């Protein structure tokens, strides 16, 4: 609903998402990256819900075919 937003933390940089649509993450460095998504209420407080927040760490490597 309109009362909730998603706080996206990408490698420590915070972004507030208030529109439900696909997003692309561009410009990530090679190597280890972490993305954490947290559902927050209208005041910015974390919503108490299962799997909130959720975090994923992944590693970008150069394409060996290039």
N, C-alpha and C. Protein backbone atom coordinates (compact mmCIF):
# COMPACT_ATOMS: atom_id res chain seq x y z
N UNK A 1 0.80 -1.19 0.00
CA UNK A 1 0.00 0.00 0.00
C UNK A 1 0.85 1.26 0.00
N UNK A 2 0.20 2.39 -0.01
CA UNK A 2 0.90 3.67 -0.03
C UNK A 2 1.63 3.98 1.27
N UNK A 3 1.30 3.26 2.34
CA UNK A 3 1.92 3.54 3.63
C UNK A 3 3.26 2.84 3.81
N UNK A 4 3.70 2.05 2.83
CA UNK A 4 4.94 1.29 2.96
C UNK A 4 5.90 1.61 1.83
N UNK A 5 7.19 1.45 2.13
CA UNK A 5 8.26 1.65 1.16
C UNK A 5 9.30 0.57 1.38
N UNK A 6 10.22 0.46 0.46
CA UNK A 6 11.33 -0.48 0.60
C UNK A 6 12.62 0.32 0.67
N UNK A 7 13.39 0.04 1.70
CA UNK A 7 14.73 0.63 1.80
C UNK A 7 15.69 -0.37 1.18
N UNK A 8 16.34 0.01 0.11
CA UNK A 8 17.31 -0.84 -0.58
C UNK A 8 18.70 -0.33 -0.24
N UNK A 9 19.48 -1.18 0.42
CA UNK A 9 20.86 -0.82 0.73
C UNK A 9 21.75 -1.65 -0.18
N UNK A 10 22.50 -0.96 -1.04
CA UNK A 10 23.36 -1.61 -2.02
C UNK A 10 24.79 -1.22 -1.72
N UNK A 11 25.56 -2.18 -1.21
CA UNK A 11 26.95 -1.93 -0.81
C UNK A 11 27.05 -0.72 0.12
N UNK A 12 26.09 -0.60 1.05
CA UNK A 12 26.13 0.46 2.04
C UNK A 12 25.44 1.75 1.62
N UNK A 13 25.05 1.87 0.36
CA UNK A 13 24.37 3.08 -0.13
C UNK A 13 22.86 2.86 -0.08
N UNK A 14 22.14 3.73 0.62
CA UNK A 14 20.70 3.54 0.82
C UNK A 14 19.87 4.27 -0.25
N UNK A 15 18.80 3.58 -0.68
CA UNK A 15 17.84 4.13 -1.63
C UNK A 15 16.45 3.81 -1.11
N UNK A 16 15.51 4.72 -1.25
CA UNK A 16 14.13 4.48 -0.83
C UNK A 16 13.28 4.24 -2.07
N UNK A 17 12.61 3.10 -2.11
CA UNK A 17 11.78 2.72 -3.25
C UNK A 17 10.32 2.85 -2.85
N UNK A 18 9.56 3.64 -3.61
CA UNK A 18 8.15 3.83 -3.28
C UNK A 18 7.23 3.51 -4.45
N UNK A 19 7.80 2.97 -5.55
CA UNK A 19 7.02 2.59 -6.71
C UNK A 19 7.24 1.11 -7.00
N UNK A 20 6.14 0.37 -7.16
CA UNK A 20 6.23 -1.06 -7.42
C UNK A 20 6.46 -1.26 -8.92
N UNK A 21 7.73 -1.53 -9.29
CA UNK A 21 8.12 -1.73 -10.68
C UNK A 21 9.47 -2.43 -10.68
N UNK A 22 9.88 -2.98 -11.81
CA UNK A 22 11.22 -3.60 -11.89
C UNK A 22 12.31 -2.53 -11.81
N UNK A 23 13.43 -2.91 -11.23
CA UNK A 23 14.59 -2.02 -11.14
C UNK A 23 15.83 -2.77 -11.59
N UNK A 24 16.77 -2.06 -12.19
CA UNK A 24 18.07 -2.60 -12.55
C UNK A 24 19.11 -1.93 -11.67
N UNK A 25 20.09 -2.71 -11.25
CA UNK A 25 21.21 -2.15 -10.49
C UNK A 25 22.38 -2.09 -11.46
N UNK A 26 22.84 -0.90 -11.76
CA UNK A 26 23.93 -0.71 -12.70
C UNK A 26 25.15 -0.14 -12.00
N UNK A 27 26.31 -0.38 -12.59
CA UNK A 27 27.55 0.23 -12.10
C UNK A 27 28.16 -0.46 -10.89
N UNK A 28 27.76 -1.70 -10.62
CA UNK A 28 28.35 -2.41 -9.49
C UNK A 28 29.79 -2.78 -9.81
N UNK A 29 30.67 -2.76 -8.81
CA UNK A 29 32.05 -3.13 -9.06
C UNK A 29 32.21 -4.65 -9.16
N UNK A 30 33.24 -5.07 -9.81
CA UNK A 30 33.58 -6.49 -9.83
C UNK A 30 33.91 -6.92 -8.40
N UNK A 31 33.63 -8.15 -8.10
CA UNK A 31 33.91 -8.67 -6.77
C UNK A 31 32.63 -8.81 -5.96
N UNK A 32 32.78 -8.81 -4.66
CA UNK A 32 31.68 -9.06 -3.72
C UNK A 32 30.76 -7.83 -3.61
N UNK A 33 29.44 -8.07 -3.71
CA UNK A 33 28.42 -7.03 -3.57
C UNK A 33 27.32 -7.55 -2.66
N UNK A 34 26.70 -6.64 -1.91
CA UNK A 34 25.61 -7.01 -1.01
C UNK A 34 24.42 -6.09 -1.22
N UNK A 35 23.24 -6.70 -1.33
CA UNK A 35 21.99 -5.96 -1.44
C UNK A 35 21.09 -6.38 -0.29
N UNK A 36 20.57 -5.40 0.46
CA UNK A 36 19.65 -5.67 1.56
C UNK A 36 18.37 -4.88 1.31
N UNK A 37 17.22 -5.58 1.38
CA UNK A 37 15.92 -4.95 1.20
C UNK A 37 15.16 -5.01 2.52
N UNK A 38 14.62 -3.86 2.95
CA UNK A 38 13.87 -3.77 4.20
C UNK A 38 12.55 -3.07 3.94
N UNK A 39 11.45 -3.70 4.33
CA UNK A 39 10.13 -3.07 4.24
C UNK A 39 9.98 -2.12 5.41
N UNK A 40 9.66 -0.85 5.13
CA UNK A 40 9.50 0.15 6.18
C UNK A 40 8.12 0.77 6.09
N UNK A 41 7.63 1.28 7.22
CA UNK A 41 6.32 1.93 7.23
C UNK A 41 6.46 3.40 6.83
N UNK A 42 5.37 4.14 6.90
CA UNK A 42 5.35 5.54 6.50
C UNK A 42 6.29 6.45 7.26
N UNK A 43 6.70 6.03 8.47
CA UNK A 43 7.63 6.83 9.27
C UNK A 43 9.07 6.38 9.11
N UNK A 44 9.29 5.34 8.27
CA UNK A 44 10.65 4.84 8.05
C UNK A 44 11.07 3.76 9.02
N UNK A 45 10.14 3.31 9.86
CA UNK A 45 10.45 2.26 10.85
C UNK A 45 10.30 0.89 10.19
N UNK A 46 11.24 -0.01 10.48
CA UNK A 46 11.22 -1.36 9.94
C UNK A 46 9.93 -2.07 10.35
N UNK A 47 9.26 -2.70 9.38
CA UNK A 47 8.04 -3.46 9.65
C UNK A 47 8.44 -4.80 10.26
N UNK A 48 7.79 -5.17 11.36
CA UNK A 48 8.07 -6.45 12.02
C UNK A 48 7.35 -7.55 11.26
N UNK A 49 8.09 -8.25 10.40
CA UNK A 49 7.52 -9.31 9.57
C UNK A 49 8.59 -10.37 9.33
N UNK A 50 8.17 -11.60 9.05
CA UNK A 50 9.15 -12.64 8.72
C UNK A 50 9.95 -12.23 7.48
N UNK A 51 11.19 -12.60 7.48
CA UNK A 51 12.10 -12.33 6.34
C UNK A 51 12.27 -10.84 6.07
N UNK A 52 12.19 -10.03 7.09
CA UNK A 52 12.41 -8.59 6.93
C UNK A 52 13.45 -8.14 7.94
N UNK A 53 14.60 -7.72 7.53
CA UNK A 53 15.04 -7.52 6.15
C UNK A 53 15.56 -8.82 5.54
N UNK A 54 15.81 -8.76 4.23
CA UNK A 54 16.41 -9.87 3.50
C UNK A 54 17.67 -9.34 2.82
N UNK A 55 18.74 -10.14 2.87
CA UNK A 55 20.02 -9.70 2.34
C UNK A 55 20.63 -10.80 1.47
N UNK A 56 21.26 -10.39 0.40
CA UNK A 56 21.95 -11.32 -0.50
C UNK A 56 23.32 -10.75 -0.84
N UNK A 57 24.31 -11.62 -0.80
CA UNK A 57 25.67 -11.28 -1.19
C UNK A 57 26.03 -12.12 -2.40
N UNK A 58 26.63 -11.49 -3.39
CA UNK A 58 26.99 -12.20 -4.62
C UNK A 58 28.30 -11.62 -5.13
N UNK A 59 28.94 -12.37 -6.01
CA UNK A 59 30.24 -11.96 -6.55
C UNK A 59 30.13 -11.80 -8.06
N UNK A 60 30.52 -10.64 -8.55
CA UNK A 60 30.60 -10.40 -9.99
C UNK A 60 32.00 -10.72 -10.47
N UNK A 61 32.09 -11.48 -11.56
CA UNK A 61 33.39 -11.81 -12.16
C UNK A 61 33.35 -11.46 -13.63
N UNK A 62 34.50 -11.20 -14.20
CA UNK A 62 34.60 -10.87 -15.62
C UNK A 62 34.20 -12.08 -16.45
N UNK A 63 33.59 -11.83 -17.60
CA UNK A 63 33.21 -12.89 -18.52
C UNK A 63 34.48 -13.46 -19.15
N UNK A 64 34.77 -14.74 -18.93
CA UNK A 64 36.01 -15.30 -19.48
C UNK A 64 36.02 -15.37 -21.00
N UNK A 65 34.86 -15.25 -21.64
CA UNK A 65 34.79 -15.29 -23.11
C UNK A 65 35.26 -13.99 -23.76
N UNK A 66 35.36 -12.94 -22.98
CA UNK A 66 35.74 -11.64 -23.55
C UNK A 66 37.24 -11.47 -23.60
